[in-house]
Amino acid sequence: MAEQKMSERRHPLFTEYLDDWEFFEESVKGGREYLEGGHLFSHRLESQDDDFQERKDRAYFLNFCDEVCETYTNYIMKEKIDRPEDSTLEEFRKDVDGRGTTIDEFMKKVSYLSSIYGHVHVVVDTPAIDEDKELTKRTEKEDKLRPYASIIIPTQLVDWSVDRSGNLNWILIQQEEFEDVDPNLERIEQITYKLITTEDWQVFDQDGNPADGGRSGSNDLGSIFLITCYHKDIDLDMVGESLIKDIAYVNRIIFNWSSCIDEMIERQTFSQLIVPDDGSLAQEEESGDPLKKISTSSVWTYPSDSTHAPNFISPNTDNLRVIWEMITAHIREIHRLAGLTGASEDLYTAQRSGTSQQYGFLNINSSLAAKATNLEKTENEINKLAYMWYNKDPQSVELVKYPTKFDVEALAQTMETSFLIVEREFSETLNKELLKKLGKKALPLASEEIRNKIDSEIESGDGTIAPLVTAGGFGGEEAGPGQPAKDVGSAAKNKSDGKEVKKSLQSNTKTSEGTKEGKPRK
């Protein structure tokens, strides 16, 4: 079998997914690179040379891909992460990558990048040291030698080999290097390839030959010091499923629809003047007399014998409304695809039931918990590799714990406390403010429009809440478990009716405690 140059090696999965990874990266970055990246499509009513280029110059990108990835990271990282004190890892956690990045900041990057690509790799290595010198806490202080972590995005890991047990045999990392230490010399940019096996490592240049200086060394760990953090593991060796695998395409069509709306506004913003004409307007236009002009723009004319007076006509906005409704619907769909809302049928209703909102919140918690679990596993593996570089037993590392619940319990406690206060009716203003804060906590990802609507509905009421009655309640039909009796909801619309409901509820409760079907309880 013929030998292959290291610079030419590519794993079949790398080749298959490379275009997707680059597209996801462009979608998250946005900006001029996205606008010029061929994502804006021409429509049949414009010329390629002028019209399309003008529309491209005006284009803008509503970046929901970045928002979704940031939301996952921010939600998880704002919770407390339980990291047991560890003297071995103390300095490492303060500066994970040798550039002053703390472990919190480093894991935020891992979380964000794994959401984009579906996975991201972390190499835990040490600077080259003398073979006679052991890496200890003392050598770390004296020579500033200690483990450091580096993030390797999927487009950098060009080839790899995995055995039947899932362990890596070797990896090949593409690196971009600059020779620019001396400001008097021209900067040299070069692509190198670092091959790491279980026995050693070596660097090759872009021609596949050993790099200048013969950079190489032994692998003292005896294993590949690379960890993969998945957003979602899909049982492909070293490849995960991106959070935005569908969202990026939806975001691209929103980008094109937004541009179409911009085009309509650009061409049809101003009302069009229409006037009667017997042919004299054309003559005046040819004479160029500014005193005889009736408009700074063009006019449409109709026969002078018409009975219609001069007027302005406005462009039809039906198409604008349709496209905008599709955009807003697809924005909601993006949040559903991201697991940041409830079921899809809930997205298109003006008001959602309490049960539906509860399921939506649980869905968010489930999505975040799955992501947090993968980050927890990754950080623990990083710590184990750091221990191995210190020649310590990796199994002796105390495990880091990431949160798996995100404000669900806190929300329940807040609701219980708030309702107890509201039921006492100390103050109408106090009740309304408590309910507004509760609404924000219950729907942390709701749009500003929805939040304003909720606040408006609370403000328009009297600050009271109707008690829930379970099966066997009062008010005509029996209510199901956890459902409000129908008469209770209608009776509690104003303050006086609300008090009557409470009196009736108290009377009903006392009766049920003392009697059963009209007979004394034994």
Protein backbone atom coordinates (compact mmCIF):
# COMPACT_ATOMS: atom_id res chain seq x y z
CA MET A 1 0.00 0.00 0.00
CA ALA A 2 1.41 3.38 -1.04
CA GLU A 3 2.26 5.93 1.62
CA GLN A 4 0.15 9.08 1.87
CA LYS A 5 1.41 12.54 2.77
CA MET A 6 0.13 13.82 6.11
CA SER A 7 -0.98 17.07 4.49
CA GLU A 8 -3.28 15.13 2.16
CA ARG A 9 -4.99 12.91 4.70
CA ARG A 10 -8.72 13.53 5.31
CA HIS A 11 -11.15 11.35 7.21
CA PRO A 12 -14.30 10.42 5.20
CA LEU A 13 -16.51 11.98 7.92
CA PHE A 14 -14.44 15.16 7.82
CA THR A 15 -15.00 15.43 4.07
CA GLU A 16 -18.72 14.69 4.44
CA TYR A 17 -19.43 17.29 7.13
CA LEU A 18 -16.93 20.04 6.24
CA ASP A 19 -19.41 22.10 4.20
CA ASP A 20 -21.98 21.91 7.01
CA TRP A 21 -19.48 23.05 9.64
CA GLU A 22 -18.38 26.01 7.51
CA PHE A 23 -22.02 26.99 6.87
CA PHE A 24 -22.87 26.79 10.59
CA GLU A 25 -19.80 28.90 11.38
CA GLU A 26 -20.82 31.58 8.86
CA SER A 27 -24.40 31.55 10.19
CA VAL A 28 -23.26 32.24 13.74
CA LYS A 29 -20.70 34.89 12.79
CA GLY A 30 -23.07 36.80 10.50
CA GLY A 31 -21.74 40.20 9.42
CA ARG A 32 -20.25 41.05 6.04
CA GLU A 33 -18.89 37.52 5.56
CA TYR A 34 -22.45 36.14 5.64
CA LEU A 35 -23.85 38.89 3.40
CA GLU A 36 -21.16 38.21 0.79
CA GLY A 37 -21.24 34.43 1.24
CA GLY A 38 -23.80 33.60 -1.43
CA HIS A 39 -26.71 33.20 1.00
CA LEU A 40 -28.86 35.91 -0.61
CA PHE A 41 -30.83 34.55 -3.55
CA SER A 42 -31.88 36.54 -6.62
CA HIS A 43 -35.56 36.63 -7.59
CA ARG A 44 -37.01 36.58 -11.09
CA LEU A 45 -37.98 40.27 -11.22
CA GLU A 46 -34.50 41.76 -10.84
CA SER A 47 -31.42 42.09 -12.98
CA GLN A 48 -28.21 40.47 -11.74
CA ASP A 49 -25.98 43.45 -12.52
CA ASP A 50 -27.82 46.35 -10.91
CA ASP A 51 -30.97 45.41 -8.97
CA PHE A 52 -29.55 42.38 -7.18
CA GLN A 53 -26.31 44.15 -6.28
CA GLU A 54 -28.24 47.13 -4.87
CA ARG A 55 -30.39 44.78 -2.79
CA LYS A 56 -27.29 42.96 -1.55
CA ASP A 57 -25.76 46.30 -0.51
CA ARG A 58 -28.85 47.01 1.63
CA ALA A 59 -29.11 43.48 3.06
CA TYR A 60 -29.04 42.77 6.81
CA PHE A 61 -28.99 39.52 8.75
CA LEU A 62 -31.22 38.83 11.76
CA ASN A 63 -28.86 36.43 13.53
CA PHE A 64 -30.86 33.88 15.52
CA CYS A 65 -28.17 31.18 15.29
CA ASP A 66 -25.83 33.13 17.55
CA GLU A 67 -28.72 33.97 19.90
CA VAL A 68 -29.70 30.32 20.35
CA CYS A 69 -26.12 29.14 21.02
CA GLU A 70 -25.54 32.01 23.45
CA THR A 71 -28.82 31.28 25.26
CA TYR A 72 -27.81 27.69 26.01
CA THR A 73 -24.40 28.75 27.30
CA ASN A 74 -25.68 31.67 29.38
CA TYR A 75 -28.46 29.65 30.98
CA ILE A 76 -26.13 26.84 32.04
CA MET A 77 -23.18 28.96 33.14
CA LYS A 78 -25.22 31.37 35.25
CA GLU A 79 -26.01 28.49 37.63
CA LYS A 80 -23.55 27.41 40.30
CA ILE A 81 -21.12 24.69 39.20
CA ASP A 82 -19.88 22.54 42.06
CA ARG A 83 -16.09 22.28 41.78
CA PRO A 84 -14.49 20.59 44.81
CA GLU A 85 -11.35 22.28 46.10
CA ASP A 86 -8.25 20.66 44.63
CA SER A 87 -4.72 21.88 45.30
CA THR A 88 -3.41 20.05 42.22
CA LEU A 89 -5.84 21.82 39.89
CA GLU A 90 -5.90 25.18 41.65
CA GLU A 91 -3.47 26.99 39.32
CA PHE A 92 -4.71 25.10 36.27
CA ARG A 93 -8.29 26.31 36.87
CA LYS A 94 -7.10 29.91 37.16
CA ASP A 95 -5.30 29.72 33.80
CA VAL A 96 -6.51 26.80 31.72
CA ASP A 97 -4.95 27.63 28.37
CA GLY A 98 -1.82 29.50 29.42
CA ARG A 99 -3.39 32.80 28.37
CA GLY A 100 -5.14 33.69 31.60
CA THR A 101 -8.49 32.02 30.76
CA THR A 102 -10.29 30.67 33.81
CA ILE A 103 -12.06 27.32 33.78
CA ASP A 104 -15.45 29.08 33.72
CA GLU A 105 -14.52 31.14 30.66
CA PHE A 106 -12.94 28.12 28.97
CA MET A 107 -16.03 25.93 29.44
CA LYS A 108 -18.25 28.73 28.10
CA LYS A 109 -16.23 28.57 24.88
CA VAL A 110 -16.53 24.79 24.80
CA SER A 111 -20.30 25.04 25.30
CA TYR A 112 -20.78 27.70 22.63
CA LEU A 113 -18.58 26.04 19.99
CA SER A 114 -20.03 22.56 20.54
CA SER A 115 -23.50 24.03 19.96
CA ILE A 116 -22.34 25.42 16.62
CA TYR A 117 -20.53 22.42 15.20
CA GLY A 118 -22.23 19.62 17.14
CA HIS A 119 -18.98 18.84 18.92
CA VAL A 120 -15.63 20.37 19.77
CA HIS A 121 -12.30 18.86 20.88
CA VAL A 122 -10.01 19.75 23.75
CA VAL A 123 -6.32 18.82 23.83
CA VAL A 124 -4.63 18.78 27.24
CA ASP A 125 -0.89 18.99 26.70
CA THR A 126 2.27 20.27 28.39
CA PRO A 127 5.18 22.33 27.05
CA ALA A 128 8.19 20.30 26.01
CA ILE A 129 10.44 19.61 29.04
CA ASP A 130 13.73 17.85 29.62
CA GLU A 131 13.34 14.10 29.73
CA ASP A 132 15.21 14.00 33.05
CA LYS A 133 12.79 16.48 34.62
CA GLU A 134 9.50 15.28 36.05
CA LEU A 135 6.46 17.57 35.84
CA THR A 136 5.64 18.41 39.45
CA LYS A 137 4.24 21.41 41.33
CA ARG A 138 7.85 22.49 41.95
CA THR A 139 8.88 22.40 38.28
CA GLU A 140 5.64 24.17 37.44
CA LYS A 141 6.64 27.10 39.65
CA GLU A 142 10.32 27.13 38.73
CA ASP A 143 10.03 26.62 34.96
CA LYS A 144 6.42 27.69 34.47
CA LEU A 145 5.66 24.27 33.10
CA ARG A 146 2.22 22.80 33.66
CA PRO A 147 -0.66 21.29 31.70
CA TYR A 148 -2.64 23.57 29.43
CA ALA A 149 -5.79 23.01 27.38
CA SER A 150 -6.45 24.02 23.77
CA ILE A 151 -9.75 23.97 21.87
CA ILE A 152 -9.68 22.21 18.50
CA ILE A 153 -12.70 22.94 16.30
CA PRO A 154 -13.90 20.19 13.90
CA THR A 155 -12.44 21.90 10.82
CA GLN A 156 -8.97 21.54 12.40
CA LEU A 157 -9.09 17.81 13.20
CA VAL A 158 -8.70 16.57 9.63
CA ASP A 159 -8.10 12.86 10.26
CA TRP A 160 -8.20 10.29 13.04
CA SER A 161 -8.43 6.59 13.77
CA VAL A 162 -10.64 4.83 16.34
CA ASP A 163 -10.39 1.22 17.46
CA ARG A 164 -13.35 -1.11 18.07
CA SER A 165 -13.58 0.01 21.70
CA GLY A 166 -13.90 3.67 20.71
CA ASN A 167 -10.36 4.61 21.76
CA LEU A 168 -8.25 6.83 19.52
CA ASN A 169 -5.26 5.27 17.78
CA TRP A 170 -3.97 8.59 16.43
CA ILE A 171 -5.14 12.07 15.41
CA LEU A 172 -3.99 14.61 12.81
CA ILE A 173 -4.52 18.30 13.61
CA GLN A 174 -4.21 21.08 11.02
CA GLN A 175 -2.63 24.22 12.49
CA GLU A 176 -2.11 27.75 11.19
CA GLU A 177 1.22 29.19 12.32
CA PHE A 178 2.88 32.59 11.95
CA GLU A 179 6.56 33.46 12.07
CA ASP A 180 6.46 37.10 13.12
CA VAL A 181 8.67 37.43 16.21
CA ASP A 182 11.03 39.83 14.48
CA PRO A 183 9.12 43.00 13.39
CA ASN A 184 11.89 43.78 10.88
CA LEU A 185 11.13 40.66 8.86
CA GLU A 186 8.13 39.89 6.72
CA ARG A 187 5.49 37.74 8.44
CA ILE A 188 5.44 34.15 7.22
CA GLU A 189 2.15 32.25 7.38
CA GLN A 190 2.20 28.49 7.07
CA ILE A 191 -0.06 25.49 7.54
CA THR A 192 1.33 22.59 9.58
CA TYR A 193 -0.02 19.20 10.58
CA LYS A 194 0.55 17.67 14.01
CA LEU A 195 0.31 13.90 14.20
CA ILE A 196 -0.22 12.47 17.71
CA THR A 197 -0.04 8.72 18.29
CA THR A 198 -0.05 6.71 21.49
CA GLU A 199 3.76 6.61 21.32
CA ASP A 200 4.91 10.00 20.01
CA TRP A 201 4.03 13.20 18.16
CA GLN A 202 5.51 14.93 15.12
CA VAL A 203 4.85 18.11 13.10
CA PHE A 204 4.74 18.14 9.28
CA ASP A 205 4.70 21.09 6.87
CA GLN A 206 2.07 21.73 4.18
CA ASP A 207 4.02 19.59 1.74
CA GLY A 208 3.80 16.63 4.09
CA ASN A 209 7.48 16.70 5.07
CA PRO A 210 8.79 16.95 8.65
CA ALA A 211 8.64 20.60 9.73
CA ASP A 212 11.81 22.68 10.05
CA GLY A 213 13.73 21.76 13.13
CA GLY A 214 12.24 18.26 13.20
CA ARG A 215 9.68 19.11 15.85
CA SER A 216 8.74 15.83 17.52
CA GLY A 217 8.68 14.10 20.89
CA SER A 218 7.46 11.10 22.84
CA ASN A 219 3.95 10.68 24.20
CA ASP A 220 4.57 10.01 27.88
CA LEU A 221 0.86 9.40 28.63
CA GLY A 222 0.63 6.43 26.27
CA SER A 223 -2.81 7.57 25.11
CA ILE A 224 -4.24 10.32 22.92
CA PHE A 225 -4.67 13.41 25.11
CA LEU A 226 -7.79 14.68 23.30
CA ILE A 227 -11.36 14.89 24.61
CA THR A 228 -14.50 15.42 22.54
CA CYS A 229 -17.43 17.40 23.92
CA TYR A 230 -20.66 16.68 22.05
CA HIS A 231 -23.71 18.88 21.85
CA LYS A 232 -25.55 15.70 20.93
CA ASP A 233 -23.87 12.34 20.42
CA ILE A 234 -25.25 10.61 17.30
CA ASP A 235 -23.00 7.53 17.46
CA LEU A 236 -20.60 8.71 14.77
CA ASP A 237 -16.93 8.50 15.71
CA MET A 238 -15.82 12.06 16.64
CA VAL A 239 -18.86 13.77 15.03
CA GLY A 240 -21.86 15.21 16.86
CA GLU A 241 -25.15 16.86 15.90
CA SER A 242 -25.21 20.65 15.78
CA LEU A 243 -27.80 22.65 17.72
CA ILE A 244 -28.37 24.79 14.61
CA LYS A 245 -28.38 22.02 11.99
CA ASP A 246 -31.92 23.01 10.95
CA ILE A 247 -32.05 26.48 12.47
CA ALA A 248 -29.29 27.78 10.16
CA TYR A 249 -31.39 27.01 7.08
CA VAL A 250 -34.53 28.56 8.58
CA ASN A 251 -32.47 31.63 9.50
CA ARG A 252 -31.21 31.86 5.91
CA ILE A 253 -34.75 31.93 4.48
CA ILE A 254 -35.69 34.63 7.02
CA PHE A 255 -32.65 36.55 5.74
CA ASN A 256 -34.00 36.35 2.18
CA TRP A 257 -37.57 37.22 3.16
CA SER A 258 -36.33 40.25 5.11
CA SER A 259 -34.47 41.39 2.01
CA CYS A 260 -37.67 41.05 -0.06
CA ILE A 261 -39.51 43.24 2.44
CA ASP A 262 -36.69 45.77 2.25
CA GLU A 263 -36.96 45.72 -1.54
CA MET A 264 -40.71 46.39 -1.43
CA ILE A 265 -40.24 49.27 1.00
CA GLU A 266 -37.41 50.70 -1.10
CA ARG A 267 -39.49 50.67 -4.27
CA GLN A 268 -42.94 51.48 -2.88
CA THR A 269 -42.44 53.62 0.22
CA PHE A 270 -43.86 56.84 -1.22
CA SER A 271 -47.42 57.33 -2.37
CA GLN A 272 -47.82 57.96 -6.09
CA LEU A 273 -49.38 61.20 -7.33
CA ILE A 274 -52.05 60.84 -10.04
CA VAL A 275 -53.42 63.85 -11.96
CA PRO A 276 -55.63 64.49 -15.00
CA ASP A 277 -53.76 65.48 -18.18
CA ASP A 278 -54.83 66.69 -21.60
CA GLY A 279 -51.29 66.44 -22.93
CA SER A 280 -49.97 69.76 -21.64
CA LEU A 281 -47.99 68.19 -18.77
CA ALA A 282 -45.77 66.42 -21.25
CA GLN A 283 -45.05 69.70 -23.03
CA GLU A 284 -44.23 71.45 -19.76
CA GLU A 285 -41.89 68.61 -18.88
CA GLU A 286 -40.04 69.15 -22.14
CA SER A 287 -39.79 72.92 -21.56
CA GLY A 288 -38.10 72.34 -18.22
CA ASP A 289 -39.76 75.32 -16.54
CA PRO A 290 -39.41 74.64 -12.76
CA LEU A 291 -42.39 76.90 -11.96
CA LYS A 292 -44.66 74.62 -13.92
CA LYS A 293 -43.62 71.38 -12.18
CA ILE A 294 -46.22 69.90 -9.82
CA SER A 295 -43.99 67.32 -8.20
CA THR A 296 -40.34 66.57 -7.56
CA SER A 297 -41.00 63.02 -8.68
CA SER A 298 -42.86 61.39 -11.53
CA VAL A 299 -46.65 61.45 -11.78
CA TRP A 300 -49.20 59.15 -13.29
CA THR A 301 -51.84 60.75 -15.46
CA TYR A 302 -55.35 59.90 -16.56
CA PRO A 303 -57.69 61.51 -19.12
CA SER A 304 -58.47 65.15 -18.37
CA ASP A 305 -62.20 64.66 -18.92
CA SER A 306 -62.33 62.29 -15.94
CA THR A 307 -64.31 63.40 -12.93
CA HIS A 308 -61.61 62.24 -10.49
CA ALA A 309 -59.65 64.92 -8.67
CA PRO A 310 -55.84 64.70 -8.34
CA ASN A 311 -54.93 62.29 -5.59
CA PHE A 312 -52.23 60.11 -4.07
CA ILE A 313 -52.46 56.33 -4.27
CA SER A 314 -50.62 54.09 -1.81
CA PRO A 315 -48.96 50.78 -2.64
CA ASN A 316 -50.66 47.54 -1.64
CA THR A 317 -49.24 46.18 1.64
CA ASP A 318 -50.83 42.73 1.53
CA ASN A 319 -47.60 41.04 0.40
CA LEU A 320 -45.63 42.80 3.13
CA ARG A 321 -48.02 41.51 5.78
CA VAL A 322 -47.92 37.95 4.47
CA ILE A 323 -44.12 37.83 4.40
CA TRP A 324 -43.82 39.42 7.84
CA GLU A 325 -46.29 36.91 9.30
CA MET A 326 -44.20 34.10 7.81
CA ILE A 327 -41.04 35.59 9.29
CA THR A 328 -42.53 35.87 12.80
CA ALA A 329 -43.90 32.32 12.56
CA HIS A 330 -40.49 31.00 11.53
CA ILE A 331 -38.78 32.88 14.36
CA ARG A 332 -41.04 31.02 16.79
CA GLU A 333 -40.21 27.81 14.95
CA ILE A 334 -36.48 28.48 15.46
CA HIS A 335 -37.02 28.55 19.23
CA ARG A 336 -39.01 25.32 19.03
CA LEU A 337 -36.23 23.62 17.07
CA ALA A 338 -33.77 24.82 19.70
CA GLY A 339 -35.84 23.27 22.48
CA LEU A 340 -36.47 26.71 23.96
CA THR A 341 -40.27 26.56 23.87
CA GLY A 342 -43.16 24.11 24.14
CA ALA A 343 -44.76 21.95 21.49
CA SER A 344 -45.22 23.45 18.03
CA GLU A 345 -48.99 23.66 18.31
CA ASP A 346 -48.55 26.09 21.22
CA LEU A 347 -46.61 28.57 19.10
CA TYR A 348 -49.51 29.84 17.06
CA THR A 349 -52.07 30.41 19.81
CA ALA A 350 -52.52 33.80 21.42
CA GLN A 351 -52.92 32.34 24.88
CA ARG A 352 -51.51 29.07 26.17
CA SER A 353 -52.91 27.07 29.04
CA GLY A 354 -51.03 26.69 32.30
CA THR A 355 -50.41 23.02 31.55
CA SER A 356 -48.99 23.90 28.12
CA GLN A 357 -46.66 26.51 29.62
CA GLN A 358 -45.52 24.02 32.24
CA TYR A 359 -44.64 21.45 29.57
CA GLY A 360 -42.81 24.18 27.64
CA PHE A 361 -40.70 25.06 30.67
CA LEU A 362 -39.93 21.41 31.35
CA ASN A 363 -38.86 21.05 27.73
CA ILE A 364 -36.41 23.92 28.15
CA ASN A 365 -35.06 22.37 31.35
CA SER A 366 -34.61 19.00 29.64
CA SER A 367 -32.66 20.55 26.75
CA LEU A 368 -30.38 22.50 29.09
CA ALA A 369 -29.85 19.52 31.40
CA ALA A 370 -28.68 17.33 28.50
CA LYS A 371 -26.19 19.99 27.46
CA ALA A 372 -24.99 20.49 31.04
CA THR A 373 -24.39 16.74 31.41
CA ASN A 374 -22.09 16.73 28.37
CA LEU A 375 -20.15 19.74 29.69
CA GLU A 376 -19.81 18.08 33.09
CA LYS A 377 -18.35 14.94 31.48
CA THR A 378 -15.92 17.02 29.42
CA GLU A 379 -14.59 19.05 32.34
CA ASN A 380 -14.07 15.91 34.42
CA GLU A 381 -12.12 14.32 31.55
CA ILE A 382 -10.00 17.48 31.26
CA ASN A 383 -9.20 17.27 34.97
CA LYS A 384 -8.25 13.60 34.66
CA LEU A 385 -5.82 14.34 31.83
CA ALA A 386 -4.27 17.15 33.89
CA TYR A 387 -3.81 14.66 36.75
CA MET A 388 -2.12 12.22 34.38
CA TRP A 389 0.39 14.89 33.32
CA TYR A 390 1.17 15.40 37.02
CA ASN A 391 1.74 11.62 37.32
CA LYS A 392 -1.24 11.32 39.65
CA ASP A 393 -4.02 8.75 39.57
CA PRO A 394 -6.81 10.22 37.38
CA GLN A 395 -9.40 8.18 39.25
CA SER A 396 -8.62 10.13 42.42
CA VAL A 397 -10.03 13.36 40.96
CA GLU A 398 -13.13 14.59 42.75
CA LEU A 399 -15.82 14.99 40.12
CA VAL A 400 -17.26 18.34 39.11
CA LYS A 401 -21.06 18.61 39.20
CA TYR A 402 -23.05 20.73 36.76
CA PRO A 403 -26.65 21.80 37.45
CA THR A 404 -29.45 19.67 36.01
CA LYS A 405 -32.37 21.83 37.12
CA PHE A 406 -32.78 25.39 35.98
CA ASP A 407 -35.07 27.45 38.21
CA VAL A 408 -37.89 24.87 38.19
CA GLU A 409 -37.90 24.49 41.98
CA ALA A 410 -37.25 28.19 42.51
CA LEU A 411 -40.21 28.99 40.28
CA ALA A 412 -42.52 26.70 42.27
CA GLN A 413 -41.42 28.27 45.56
CA THR A 414 -41.84 31.78 44.17
CA MET A 415 -45.34 30.95 42.92
CA GLU A 416 -46.38 29.54 46.29
CA THR A 417 -45.05 32.55 48.21
CA SER A 418 -46.49 35.06 45.76
CA PHE A 419 -49.95 33.49 45.76
CA LEU A 420 -50.05 33.45 49.55
CA ILE A 421 -49.35 37.20 49.61
CA VAL A 422 -51.76 37.98 46.78
CA GLU A 423 -54.59 36.06 48.46
CA ARG A 424 -54.25 38.26 51.55
CA GLU A 425 -54.99 41.36 49.43
CA PHE A 426 -52.65 43.68 51.33
CA SER A 427 -52.36 46.00 48.36
CA GLU A 428 -53.62 45.93 44.78
CA THR A 429 -50.37 47.51 43.56
CA LEU A 430 -48.29 44.96 45.50
CA ASN A 431 -50.31 42.10 44.00
CA LYS A 432 -49.84 43.34 40.46
CA GLU A 433 -46.08 43.83 40.84
CA LEU A 434 -45.69 40.34 42.31
CA LEU A 435 -47.65 38.81 39.44
CA LYS A 436 -45.57 40.70 36.86
CA LYS A 437 -42.31 39.44 38.37
CA LEU A 438 -43.74 35.94 38.50
CA GLY A 439 -44.65 36.18 34.82
CA LYS A 440 -41.08 37.13 33.89
CA LYS A 441 -39.66 34.25 35.92
CA ALA A 442 -42.12 31.73 34.46
CA LEU A 443 -41.37 32.76 30.87
CA PRO A 444 -37.72 33.91 30.87
CA LEU A 445 -37.37 33.56 27.09
CA ALA A 446 -40.64 35.22 26.09
CA SER A 447 -40.44 38.01 23.54
CA GLU A 448 -40.83 41.63 24.61
CA GLU A 449 -44.21 41.71 22.86
CA ILE A 450 -45.52 38.78 24.93
CA ARG A 451 -44.11 40.21 28.17
CA ASN A 452 -45.75 43.56 27.52
CA LYS A 453 -49.04 41.82 26.81
CA ILE A 454 -48.82 39.84 30.05
CA ASP A 455 -48.02 42.99 32.05
CA SER A 456 -50.90 44.81 30.37
CA GLU A 457 -53.35 42.02 31.22
CA ILE A 458 -52.19 41.98 34.85
CA GLU A 459 -52.42 45.77 35.07
CA SER A 460 -55.93 45.82 33.62
CA GLY A 461 -57.14 43.43 36.36
CA ASP A 462 -57.56 44.06 40.06
CA GLY A 463 -54.60 42.02 41.27
CA THR A 464 -56.65 39.14 42.70
CA ILE A 465 -56.34 35.50 41.70
CA ALA A 466 -59.03 32.84 41.59
CA PRO A 467 -58.49 29.74 43.75
CA LEU A 468 -58.27 26.41 41.99
CA VAL A 469 -60.85 23.76 42.86
CA THR A 470 -60.21 20.09 42.31
CA ALA A 471 -62.74 17.37 41.54
CA GLY A 472 -65.68 17.41 43.92
CA GLY A 473 -65.65 21.21 44.10
CA PHE A 474 -68.54 23.58 43.70
CA GLY A 475 -69.99 25.80 41.03
CA GLY A 476 -72.03 23.47 38.86
CA GLU A 477 -69.79 21.11 36.89
CA GLU A 478 -67.01 19.32 38.72
CA ALA A 479 -63.57 20.48 37.73
CA GLY A 480 -60.88 18.02 36.75
CA PRO A 481 -57.69 17.53 38.79
CA GLY A 482 -55.78 20.77 38.95
CA GLN A 483 -58.34 22.61 36.82
CA PRO A 484 -60.31 25.68 37.93
CA ALA A 485 -64.03 25.36 38.34
CA LYS A 486 -65.75 27.24 35.51
CA ASP A 487 -67.86 29.40 37.81
CA VAL A 488 -64.81 30.33 39.88
CA GLY A 489 -63.02 31.83 36.88
CA SER A 490 -65.96 33.98 35.91
CA ALA A 491 -66.79 35.00 39.47
CA ALA A 492 -63.28 36.23 40.15
CA LYS A 493 -63.19 38.83 37.37
CA ASN A 494 -63.75 41.68 39.80
CA LYS A 495 -62.89 42.28 43.42
CA SER A 496 -66.37 41.92 44.92
CA ASP A 497 -67.01 38.67 43.08
CA GLY A 498 -63.61 37.41 44.18
CA LYS A 499 -64.53 37.91 47.83
CA GLU A 500 -67.81 36.05 47.31
CA VAL A 501 -65.85 33.16 45.84
CA LYS A 502 -63.58 33.04 48.91
CA LYS A 503 -66.55 33.09 51.30
CA SER A 504 -68.22 30.32 49.34
CA LEU A 505 -65.00 28.32 49.32
CA GLN A 506 -64.56 28.70 53.10
CA SER A 507 -68.21 27.74 53.70
CA ASN A 508 -67.88 24.75 51.45
CA THR A 509 -64.69 23.66 53.18
CA LYS A 510 -66.22 23.88 56.66
CA THR A 511 -69.27 21.91 55.56
CA SER A 512 -67.19 19.17 53.99
CA GLU A 513 -65.09 18.85 57.14
CA GLY A 514 -68.13 18.39 59.39
CA THR A 515 -70.48 16.40 57.19
CA LYS A 516 -70.58 13.86 54.47
CA GLU A 517 -73.75 13.64 52.38
CA GLY A 518 -75.60 15.55 55.10
CA LYS A 519 -74.60 13.17 57.90
CA PRO A 520 -72.22 13.80 60.83
CA ARG A 521 -68.71 12.47 60.24
CA LYS A 522 -67.56 9.85 62.76
